[in-house]
């Protein structure tokens, strides 16, 4: 039976609806899901119960044995190290839209605007801008800091700036891209 893969967690993860276990690791699995938003919802819900290493939408395995033998066992040490590194952390996206013209003003202003969020973050990375934002940032923050970050971002929406945040999310932006395997993020 084909299984959709959602993410690697520690065995016994309290928010994992269905898992395939191998030693102290588990892969969150389900029936194949055609909706990427539903996939993201499942993976994002896992974050509040502990670290999760998200698997790219649409990734499937033939059965539970394949999950254990082809996915979990070969990279178990790497998964454990990543889960340990991300324990207690989540990714948050901050989106800024500037309603006043001037790119120099914008660049200088974003560093100042995001300083309170950056102080709380363990790491950050600029993301590609999109239709809904002039600047997008990913921050890796402690789960205990999520409300402070939310309030800081909410407070940015003034004086020619619109600000929004999305989170908590799995740490997609803070995991090494593994191109040698189809089981990557």
N, C-alpha and C. Protein backbone atom coordinates (compact mmCIF):
# COMPACT_ATOMS: atom_id res chain seq x y z
N UNK A 1 0.84 -1.18 0.00
CA UNK A 1 0.00 0.00 0.00
C UNK A 1 0.89 1.25 0.00
N UNK A 2 0.71 2.12 -0.96
CA UNK A 2 1.51 3.33 -1.08
C UNK A 2 1.22 4.28 0.08
N UNK A 3 2.29 4.83 0.63
CA UNK A 3 2.18 5.75 1.76
C UNK A 3 2.77 7.10 1.40
N UNK A 4 2.08 8.15 1.75
CA UNK A 4 2.65 9.50 1.61
C UNK A 4 3.49 9.76 2.85
N UNK A 5 4.66 10.37 2.64
CA UNK A 5 5.56 10.69 3.74
C UNK A 5 5.42 12.16 4.10
N UNK A 6 5.29 12.43 5.39
CA UNK A 6 5.14 13.81 5.87
C UNK A 6 6.40 14.35 6.54
N UNK A 7 6.98 13.55 7.43
CA UNK A 7 8.16 14.04 8.11
C UNK A 7 8.71 13.03 9.10
N UNK A 8 9.99 13.20 9.43
CA UNK A 8 10.67 12.36 10.41
C UNK A 8 10.54 13.02 11.77
N UNK A 9 10.15 12.21 12.75
CA UNK A 9 10.02 12.68 14.13
C UNK A 9 10.65 11.61 15.04
N UNK A 10 10.72 11.93 16.31
CA UNK A 10 11.13 10.91 17.28
C UNK A 10 9.96 9.96 17.52
N UNK A 11 10.27 8.71 17.75
CA UNK A 11 9.22 7.73 18.05
C UNK A 11 8.42 8.23 19.25
N UNK A 12 7.11 8.04 19.21
CA UNK A 12 6.25 8.48 20.30
C UNK A 12 5.86 9.95 20.24
N UNK A 13 6.11 10.60 19.13
CA UNK A 13 5.74 12.01 18.96
C UNK A 13 4.25 12.18 19.28
N UNK A 14 3.90 13.11 20.18
CA UNK A 14 2.52 13.20 20.65
C UNK A 14 1.50 13.70 19.62
N UNK A 15 1.94 14.34 18.56
CA UNK A 15 1.00 14.88 17.56
C UNK A 15 0.99 14.08 16.26
N UNK A 16 1.76 13.02 16.20
CA UNK A 16 1.84 12.23 14.97
C UNK A 16 0.63 11.30 14.87
N UNK A 17 -0.23 11.50 13.86
CA UNK A 17 -1.43 10.68 13.75
C UNK A 17 -1.16 9.23 13.36
N UNK A 18 -0.17 8.99 12.51
CA UNK A 18 0.14 7.63 12.05
C UNK A 18 1.62 7.60 11.70
N UNK A 19 2.34 6.63 12.24
CA UNK A 19 3.77 6.57 12.01
C UNK A 19 4.23 5.17 11.63
N UNK A 20 5.39 5.13 11.03
CA UNK A 20 6.14 3.90 10.81
C UNK A 20 7.44 4.09 11.57
N UNK A 21 7.70 3.21 12.54
CA UNK A 21 8.85 3.38 13.40
C UNK A 21 10.04 2.55 13.02
N UNK A 22 11.20 3.04 13.37
CA UNK A 22 12.47 2.33 13.25
C UNK A 22 13.36 2.83 14.37
N UNK A 23 13.69 1.94 15.28
CA UNK A 23 14.46 2.29 16.48
C UNK A 23 13.79 3.47 17.18
N UNK A 24 14.52 4.57 17.39
CA UNK A 24 13.96 5.71 18.11
C UNK A 24 13.38 6.78 17.18
N UNK A 25 13.27 6.45 15.89
CA UNK A 25 12.75 7.39 14.89
C UNK A 25 11.41 6.91 14.35
N UNK A 26 10.66 7.84 13.78
CA UNK A 26 9.40 7.48 13.14
C UNK A 26 9.17 8.41 11.95
N UNK A 27 8.56 7.86 10.92
CA UNK A 27 8.13 8.65 9.78
C UNK A 27 6.62 8.81 9.89
N UNK A 28 6.15 10.05 9.85
CA UNK A 28 4.72 10.30 9.83
C UNK A 28 4.24 10.00 8.41
N UNK A 29 3.24 9.14 8.32
CA UNK A 29 2.75 8.68 7.02
C UNK A 29 1.23 8.83 6.95
N UNK A 30 0.72 8.69 5.74
CA UNK A 30 -0.72 8.70 5.53
C UNK A 30 -1.04 8.21 4.14
N UNK A 31 -2.31 8.20 3.83
CA UNK A 31 -2.73 7.86 2.48
C UNK A 31 -2.29 8.99 1.56
N UNK A 32 -2.00 8.68 0.30
CA UNK A 32 -1.59 9.74 -0.63
C UNK A 32 -2.59 10.90 -0.64
N UNK A 33 -2.05 12.11 -0.52
CA UNK A 33 -2.85 13.34 -0.42
C UNK A 33 -2.51 14.25 -1.59
N UNK A 34 -3.52 14.63 -2.40
CA UNK A 34 -3.24 15.45 -3.57
C UNK A 34 -3.13 16.95 -3.30
N UNK A 35 -3.37 17.37 -2.07
CA UNK A 35 -3.43 18.80 -1.76
C UNK A 35 -2.19 19.25 -0.97
N UNK A 36 -1.34 20.11 -1.56
CA UNK A 36 -0.15 20.56 -0.83
C UNK A 36 -0.47 21.33 0.44
N UNK A 37 -1.58 22.05 0.47
CA UNK A 37 -1.96 22.79 1.68
C UNK A 37 -2.28 21.82 2.82
N UNK A 38 -2.94 20.72 2.51
CA UNK A 38 -3.23 19.72 3.53
C UNK A 38 -1.94 19.08 4.05
N UNK A 39 -1.00 18.84 3.15
CA UNK A 39 0.30 18.30 3.54
C UNK A 39 1.00 19.26 4.51
N UNK A 40 1.04 20.54 4.17
CA UNK A 40 1.67 21.54 5.03
C UNK A 40 0.97 21.62 6.38
N UNK A 41 -0.35 21.49 6.39
CA UNK A 41 -1.10 21.55 7.65
C UNK A 41 -0.71 20.40 8.57
N UNK A 42 -0.55 19.20 8.01
CA UNK A 42 -0.15 18.05 8.82
C UNK A 42 1.25 18.28 9.40
N UNK A 43 2.18 18.67 8.54
CA UNK A 43 3.56 18.86 8.99
C UNK A 43 3.66 20.00 10.00
N UNK A 44 2.94 21.08 9.76
CA UNK A 44 2.99 22.23 10.68
C UNK A 44 2.40 21.89 12.04
N UNK A 45 1.35 21.07 12.06
CA UNK A 45 0.75 20.66 13.33
C UNK A 45 1.71 19.84 14.18
N UNK A 46 2.64 19.16 13.54
CA UNK A 46 3.61 18.34 14.27
C UNK A 46 4.59 19.19 15.07
N UNK A 47 4.89 20.39 14.60
CA UNK A 47 5.93 21.23 15.21
C UNK A 47 5.65 21.48 16.69
N UNK A 48 4.41 21.66 17.06
CA UNK A 48 4.09 21.97 18.45
C UNK A 48 4.31 20.80 19.39
N UNK A 49 4.48 19.59 18.85
CA UNK A 49 4.74 18.42 19.69
C UNK A 49 6.19 18.02 19.73
N UNK A 50 7.04 18.72 19.01
CA UNK A 50 8.47 18.39 18.98
C UNK A 50 9.02 18.61 17.60
N UNK A 51 10.33 18.45 17.45
CA UNK A 51 10.95 18.72 16.16
C UNK A 51 10.45 17.75 15.08
N UNK A 52 10.42 18.26 13.87
CA UNK A 52 10.01 17.46 12.71
C UNK A 52 10.91 17.83 11.54
N UNK A 53 11.33 16.83 10.81
CA UNK A 53 12.10 17.03 9.59
C UNK A 53 11.13 16.79 8.44
N UNK A 54 10.61 17.85 7.85
CA UNK A 54 9.56 17.70 6.85
C UNK A 54 10.07 17.06 5.57
N UNK A 55 9.22 16.28 4.96
CA UNK A 55 9.53 15.64 3.68
C UNK A 55 8.76 16.40 2.60
N UNK A 56 9.39 16.55 1.46
CA UNK A 56 8.80 17.28 0.34
C UNK A 56 7.43 16.70 -0.03
N UNK A 57 6.47 17.59 -0.30
CA UNK A 57 5.12 17.18 -0.71
C UNK A 57 5.21 16.25 -1.92
N UNK A 58 4.39 15.19 -1.87
CA UNK A 58 4.31 14.25 -2.98
C UNK A 58 5.26 13.08 -2.87
N UNK A 59 6.10 13.06 -1.83
CA UNK A 59 7.03 11.95 -1.65
C UNK A 59 6.27 10.76 -1.09
N UNK A 60 6.44 9.60 -1.74
CA UNK A 60 5.74 8.39 -1.32
C UNK A 60 6.72 7.24 -1.19
N UNK A 61 6.30 6.22 -0.47
CA UNK A 61 7.03 4.97 -0.36
C UNK A 61 6.05 3.84 -0.64
N UNK A 62 6.58 2.73 -1.12
CA UNK A 62 5.72 1.61 -1.51
C UNK A 62 4.96 1.02 -0.33
N UNK A 63 5.62 0.93 0.83
CA UNK A 63 4.99 0.32 2.00
C UNK A 63 5.82 0.65 3.25
N UNK A 64 5.39 0.11 4.38
CA UNK A 64 6.08 0.38 5.65
C UNK A 64 7.51 -0.14 5.65
N UNK A 65 7.72 -1.32 5.04
CA UNK A 65 9.08 -1.87 4.98
C UNK A 65 10.01 -0.94 4.21
N UNK A 66 9.53 -0.34 3.14
CA UNK A 66 10.35 0.60 2.36
C UNK A 66 10.67 1.84 3.18
N UNK A 67 9.73 2.31 3.98
CA UNK A 67 9.99 3.47 4.84
C UNK A 67 11.14 3.15 5.80
N UNK A 68 11.07 1.98 6.41
CA UNK A 68 12.13 1.60 7.37
C UNK A 68 13.47 1.40 6.67
N UNK A 69 13.48 0.58 5.62
CA UNK A 69 14.74 0.18 4.97
C UNK A 69 15.35 1.25 4.08
N UNK A 70 14.51 2.00 3.38
CA UNK A 70 15.02 2.95 2.38
C UNK A 70 15.11 4.38 2.88
N UNK A 71 14.34 4.72 3.90
CA UNK A 71 14.30 6.11 4.35
C UNK A 71 14.92 6.27 5.73
N UNK A 72 14.40 5.59 6.72
CA UNK A 72 14.84 5.82 8.09
C UNK A 72 16.22 5.22 8.39
N UNK A 73 16.42 3.96 8.08
CA UNK A 73 17.68 3.29 8.45
C UNK A 73 18.92 3.92 7.83
N UNK A 74 18.94 4.21 6.54
CA UNK A 74 20.18 4.72 5.94
C UNK A 74 20.65 6.08 6.47
N UNK A 75 19.75 6.90 6.92
CA UNK A 75 20.13 8.25 7.36
C UNK A 75 19.80 8.50 8.83
N UNK A 76 19.68 7.44 9.60
CA UNK A 76 19.23 7.57 10.99
C UNK A 76 20.11 8.52 11.81
N UNK A 77 21.42 8.43 11.68
CA UNK A 77 22.29 9.29 12.48
C UNK A 77 22.12 10.77 12.10
N UNK A 78 21.96 11.05 10.82
CA UNK A 78 21.73 12.43 10.37
C UNK A 78 20.40 12.94 10.89
N UNK A 79 19.36 12.10 10.81
CA UNK A 79 18.05 12.51 11.31
C UNK A 79 18.10 12.81 12.80
N UNK A 80 18.76 11.95 13.56
CA UNK A 80 18.88 12.18 15.00
C UNK A 80 19.58 13.51 15.31
N UNK A 81 20.66 13.77 14.60
CA UNK A 81 21.40 15.02 14.82
C UNK A 81 20.54 16.23 14.49
N UNK A 82 19.80 16.17 13.37
CA UNK A 82 18.93 17.29 12.99
C UNK A 82 17.79 17.46 14.00
N UNK A 83 17.19 16.38 14.45
CA UNK A 83 16.12 16.47 15.45
C UNK A 83 16.65 17.08 16.75
N UNK A 84 17.84 16.68 17.16
CA UNK A 84 18.44 17.26 18.38
C UNK A 84 18.69 18.76 18.20
N UNK A 85 19.22 19.14 17.04
CA UNK A 85 19.54 20.55 16.78
C UNK A 85 18.28 21.42 16.75
N UNK A 86 17.17 20.86 16.30
CA UNK A 86 15.93 21.63 16.15
C UNK A 86 14.97 21.50 17.33
N UNK A 87 15.37 20.75 18.33
CA UNK A 87 14.48 20.54 19.48
C UNK A 87 14.14 21.89 20.13
N UNK A 88 12.86 22.16 20.29
CA UNK A 88 12.40 23.39 20.91
C UNK A 88 12.37 24.59 20.00
N UNK A 89 12.62 24.39 18.70
CA UNK A 89 12.67 25.50 17.74
C UNK A 89 11.64 25.32 16.63
N UNK A 90 11.26 26.43 16.03
CA UNK A 90 10.34 26.42 14.89
C UNK A 90 10.73 27.53 13.93
N UNK A 91 10.34 27.37 12.69
CA UNK A 91 10.57 28.40 11.69
C UNK A 91 9.37 29.34 11.67
N UNK A 92 9.65 30.62 11.52
CA UNK A 92 8.62 31.64 11.39
C UNK A 92 8.96 32.48 10.17
N UNK A 93 7.99 32.73 9.31
CA UNK A 93 8.20 33.61 8.16
C UNK A 93 7.63 34.99 8.49
N UNK A 94 8.42 36.00 8.20
CA UNK A 94 7.99 37.38 8.35
C UNK A 94 7.96 38.00 6.96
N UNK A 95 6.82 38.57 6.62
CA UNK A 95 6.62 39.19 5.31
C UNK A 95 6.41 40.68 5.49
N UNK A 96 7.20 41.47 4.75
CA UNK A 96 7.10 42.93 4.82
C UNK A 96 6.69 43.47 3.45
N UNK A 97 5.76 44.40 3.47
CA UNK A 97 5.38 45.14 2.26
C UNK A 97 5.52 46.61 2.60
N UNK A 98 6.27 47.30 1.74
CA UNK A 98 6.53 48.72 1.95
C UNK A 98 5.61 49.52 1.04
N UNK A 99 4.85 50.40 1.64
CA UNK A 99 3.89 51.19 0.87
C UNK A 99 4.44 52.54 0.46
N UNK A 100 5.66 52.85 0.91
CA UNK A 100 6.32 54.09 0.50
C UNK A 100 7.44 53.74 -0.47
N UNK A 101 7.65 54.56 -1.51
CA UNK A 101 8.69 54.25 -2.49
C UNK A 101 10.09 54.45 -1.92
N UNK A 102 11.07 53.83 -2.57
CA UNK A 102 12.47 54.05 -2.20
C UNK A 102 13.15 52.81 -1.71
N UNK A 103 13.91 52.12 -2.55
CA UNK A 103 14.54 50.87 -2.17
C UNK A 103 15.63 51.08 -1.11
N UNK A 104 16.36 52.19 -1.15
CA UNK A 104 17.40 52.44 -0.15
C UNK A 104 16.76 52.60 1.23
N UNK A 105 15.66 53.32 1.28
CA UNK A 105 14.93 53.49 2.53
C UNK A 105 14.46 52.12 3.03
N UNK A 106 13.97 51.32 2.10
CA UNK A 106 13.43 50.01 2.45
C UNK A 106 14.50 49.12 3.07
N UNK A 107 15.66 49.01 2.42
CA UNK A 107 16.72 48.14 2.91
C UNK A 107 17.21 48.59 4.29
N UNK A 108 17.42 49.87 4.45
CA UNK A 108 17.87 50.39 5.74
C UNK A 108 16.81 50.17 6.81
N UNK A 109 15.59 50.33 6.42
CA UNK A 109 14.49 50.22 7.37
C UNK A 109 14.24 48.78 7.82
N UNK A 110 14.37 47.81 6.92
CA UNK A 110 14.05 46.43 7.28
C UNK A 110 14.96 45.91 8.38
N UNK A 111 16.26 46.26 8.35
CA UNK A 111 17.15 45.82 9.42
C UNK A 111 16.70 46.33 10.78
N UNK A 112 16.29 47.57 10.82
CA UNK A 112 15.81 48.17 12.06
C UNK A 112 14.49 47.53 12.47
N UNK A 113 13.59 47.39 11.50
CA UNK A 113 12.28 46.83 11.80
C UNK A 113 12.36 45.41 12.36
N UNK A 114 13.26 44.63 11.81
CA UNK A 114 13.34 43.22 12.19
C UNK A 114 14.30 42.95 13.35
N UNK A 115 14.88 43.97 13.93
CA UNK A 115 15.88 43.77 14.97
C UNK A 115 15.33 43.01 16.18
N UNK A 116 14.12 43.33 16.60
CA UNK A 116 13.55 42.63 17.77
C UNK A 116 13.32 41.15 17.47
N UNK A 117 12.88 40.86 16.28
CA UNK A 117 12.70 39.46 15.89
C UNK A 117 14.06 38.78 15.79
N UNK A 118 15.02 39.45 15.16
CA UNK A 118 16.35 38.87 14.97
C UNK A 118 17.03 38.58 16.31
N UNK A 119 16.79 39.40 17.31
CA UNK A 119 17.37 39.17 18.64
C UNK A 119 16.87 37.87 19.25
N UNK A 120 15.67 37.48 18.94
CA UNK A 120 15.08 36.25 19.48
C UNK A 120 15.45 35.02 18.67
N UNK A 121 15.95 35.22 17.46
CA UNK A 121 16.18 34.12 16.53
C UNK A 121 17.54 33.47 16.74
N UNK A 122 17.58 32.18 16.52
CA UNK A 122 18.84 31.45 16.52
C UNK A 122 19.53 31.58 15.17
N UNK A 123 18.72 31.77 14.12
CA UNK A 123 19.25 31.89 12.77
C UNK A 123 18.20 32.58 11.92
N UNK A 124 18.63 33.11 10.78
CA UNK A 124 17.69 33.73 9.86
C UNK A 124 18.22 33.60 8.44
N UNK A 125 17.30 33.68 7.49
CA UNK A 125 17.67 33.62 6.08
C UNK A 125 16.65 34.44 5.29
N UNK A 126 17.14 35.18 4.30
CA UNK A 126 16.23 35.91 3.42
C UNK A 126 15.61 34.92 2.45
N UNK A 127 14.31 35.09 2.21
CA UNK A 127 13.57 34.26 1.27
C UNK A 127 13.24 35.10 0.04
N UNK A 128 12.96 34.46 -1.08
CA UNK A 128 12.58 35.24 -2.26
C UNK A 128 11.30 36.04 -2.00
N UNK A 129 11.30 37.28 -2.47
CA UNK A 129 10.08 38.10 -2.35
C UNK A 129 9.02 37.50 -3.27
N UNK A 130 7.79 37.81 -2.99
CA UNK A 130 6.69 37.30 -3.81
C UNK A 130 5.68 38.37 -4.10
N UNK A 131 4.56 37.96 -4.63
CA UNK A 131 3.50 38.92 -4.95
C UNK A 131 2.95 39.60 -3.70
N UNK A 132 2.97 38.88 -2.58
CA UNK A 132 2.35 39.42 -1.38
C UNK A 132 3.33 40.13 -0.46
N UNK A 133 4.62 40.16 -0.81
CA UNK A 133 5.59 40.80 0.08
C UNK A 133 6.78 41.33 -0.71
N UNK A 134 7.29 42.48 -0.26
CA UNK A 134 8.52 43.03 -0.84
C UNK A 134 9.74 42.31 -0.28
N UNK A 135 9.64 41.91 0.97
CA UNK A 135 10.71 41.15 1.63
C UNK A 135 10.09 40.04 2.45
N UNK A 136 10.76 38.88 2.41
CA UNK A 136 10.34 37.74 3.21
C UNK A 136 11.57 37.19 3.92
N UNK A 137 11.40 36.88 5.17
CA UNK A 137 12.49 36.34 5.99
C UNK A 137 12.01 35.10 6.72
N UNK A 138 12.91 34.15 6.90
CA UNK A 138 12.65 33.00 7.75
C UNK A 138 13.54 33.14 8.98
N UNK A 139 12.94 32.96 10.14
CA UNK A 139 13.67 33.01 11.40
C UNK A 139 13.47 31.69 12.13
N UNK A 140 14.53 31.19 12.73
CA UNK A 140 14.46 30.00 13.56
C UNK A 140 14.40 30.47 15.00
N UNK A 141 13.25 30.28 15.64
CA UNK A 141 13.04 30.82 16.99
C UNK A 141 12.60 29.72 17.95
N UNK A 142 12.83 29.98 19.22
CA UNK A 142 12.38 29.05 20.25
C UNK A 142 10.87 29.03 20.33
N UNK A 143 10.32 27.87 20.62
CA UNK A 143 8.86 27.75 20.74
C UNK A 143 8.33 28.70 21.81
N UNK A 144 9.10 28.94 22.85
CA UNK A 144 8.68 29.85 23.91
C UNK A 144 8.68 31.32 23.50
N UNK A 145 9.29 31.63 22.37
CA UNK A 145 9.35 33.01 21.89
C UNK A 145 8.32 33.31 20.80
N UNK A 146 7.50 32.36 20.43
CA UNK A 146 6.57 32.57 19.32
C UNK A 146 5.61 33.74 19.55
N UNK A 147 5.06 33.86 20.73
CA UNK A 147 4.12 34.96 20.98
C UNK A 147 4.83 36.31 20.98
N UNK A 148 6.04 36.36 21.49
CA UNK A 148 6.81 37.61 21.48
C UNK A 148 7.11 38.01 20.04
N UNK A 149 7.49 37.04 19.22
CA UNK A 149 7.77 37.32 17.81
C UNK A 149 6.51 37.77 17.10
N UNK A 150 5.40 37.09 17.36
CA UNK A 150 4.13 37.49 16.73
C UNK A 150 3.79 38.93 17.10
N UNK A 151 3.91 39.26 18.38
CA UNK A 151 3.60 40.62 18.82
C UNK A 151 4.56 41.64 18.21
N UNK A 152 5.83 41.28 18.08
CA UNK A 152 6.81 42.20 17.48
C UNK A 152 6.47 42.45 16.02
N UNK A 153 6.09 41.40 15.29
CA UNK A 153 5.74 41.57 13.88
C UNK A 153 4.46 42.37 13.74
N UNK A 154 3.49 42.11 14.58
CA UNK A 154 2.24 42.87 14.55
C UNK A 154 2.51 44.36 14.78
N UNK A 155 3.45 44.66 15.65
CA UNK A 155 3.80 46.05 15.94
C UNK A 155 4.53 46.76 14.82
N UNK A 156 4.97 46.04 13.81
CA UNK A 156 5.68 46.66 12.69
C UNK A 156 4.74 47.35 11.71
N UNK A 157 3.49 46.99 11.74
CA UNK A 157 2.52 47.49 10.75
C UNK A 157 2.15 48.94 11.06
N UNK A 158 3.03 49.84 10.61
CA UNK A 158 2.79 51.28 10.80
C UNK A 158 3.78 52.04 9.91
N UNK A 159 3.51 53.29 9.67
CA UNK A 159 4.45 54.17 8.98
C UNK A 159 4.94 53.67 7.64
N UNK A 160 4.03 53.23 6.78
CA UNK A 160 4.43 52.79 5.45
C UNK A 160 4.86 51.34 5.37
N UNK A 161 4.60 50.57 6.42
CA UNK A 161 4.99 49.15 6.43
C UNK A 161 3.77 48.30 6.77
N UNK A 162 3.57 47.28 5.98
CA UNK A 162 2.60 46.23 6.31
C UNK A 162 3.41 44.99 6.66
N UNK A 163 3.05 44.32 7.73
CA UNK A 163 3.82 43.16 8.19
C UNK A 163 2.89 42.01 8.53
N UNK A 164 3.36 40.81 8.26
CA UNK A 164 2.60 39.61 8.58
C UNK A 164 3.59 38.52 8.95
N UNK A 165 3.10 37.52 9.66
CA UNK A 165 3.95 36.40 10.02
C UNK A 165 3.19 35.10 9.82
N UNK A 166 3.93 34.04 9.59
CA UNK A 166 3.36 32.71 9.42
C UNK A 166 4.19 31.78 10.29
N UNK A 167 3.52 31.03 11.13
CA UNK A 167 4.25 30.09 11.98
C UNK A 167 3.37 29.55 13.08
N UNK A 168 3.85 28.60 13.80
CA UNK A 168 5.13 27.93 13.64
C UNK A 168 5.11 26.97 12.44
N UNK A 169 6.26 26.88 11.79
CA UNK A 169 6.44 26.01 10.65
C UNK A 169 7.60 25.05 10.93
N UNK A 170 7.64 23.93 10.23
CA UNK A 170 8.84 23.09 10.30
C UNK A 170 10.03 23.89 9.75
N UNK A 171 11.20 23.52 10.14
CA UNK A 171 12.40 24.29 9.80
C UNK A 171 12.90 23.98 8.38
N UNK A 172 12.04 24.14 7.40
CA UNK A 172 12.43 23.90 6.01
C UNK A 172 13.68 24.68 5.62
N UNK A 173 13.76 25.93 6.00
CA UNK A 173 14.84 26.81 5.55
C UNK A 173 16.15 26.58 6.29
N UNK A 174 16.13 25.74 7.31
CA UNK A 174 17.32 25.55 8.13
C UNK A 174 17.81 24.11 8.14
N UNK A 175 17.39 23.36 7.14
CA UNK A 175 17.87 21.99 6.96
C UNK A 175 18.74 21.94 5.72
N UNK A 176 19.84 21.24 5.82
CA UNK A 176 20.73 21.09 4.67
C UNK A 176 19.98 20.34 3.56
N UNK A 177 20.08 20.84 2.36
CA UNK A 177 19.48 20.17 1.22
C UNK A 177 20.31 18.94 0.88
N UNK A 178 19.68 17.81 0.89
CA UNK A 178 20.38 16.57 0.58
C UNK A 178 19.99 16.13 -0.82
N UNK A 179 20.88 16.37 -1.76
CA UNK A 179 20.56 16.09 -3.16
C UNK A 179 20.86 14.65 -3.56
N UNK A 180 21.48 13.90 -2.69
CA UNK A 180 21.85 12.54 -3.04
C UNK A 180 20.69 11.56 -2.84
N UNK A 181 19.59 12.00 -2.33
CA UNK A 181 18.49 11.10 -2.04
C UNK A 181 17.17 11.72 -2.46
N UNK A 182 16.22 10.88 -2.81
CA UNK A 182 14.89 11.40 -3.14
C UNK A 182 14.09 11.73 -1.89
N UNK A 183 14.61 11.41 -0.72
CA UNK A 183 13.90 11.64 0.54
C UNK A 183 14.31 12.96 1.16
N UNK A 184 14.40 14.02 0.38
CA UNK A 184 14.89 15.28 0.90
C UNK A 184 13.73 16.24 1.20
N UNK A 185 14.07 17.36 1.81
CA UNK A 185 13.07 18.35 2.19
C UNK A 185 12.81 19.24 1.01
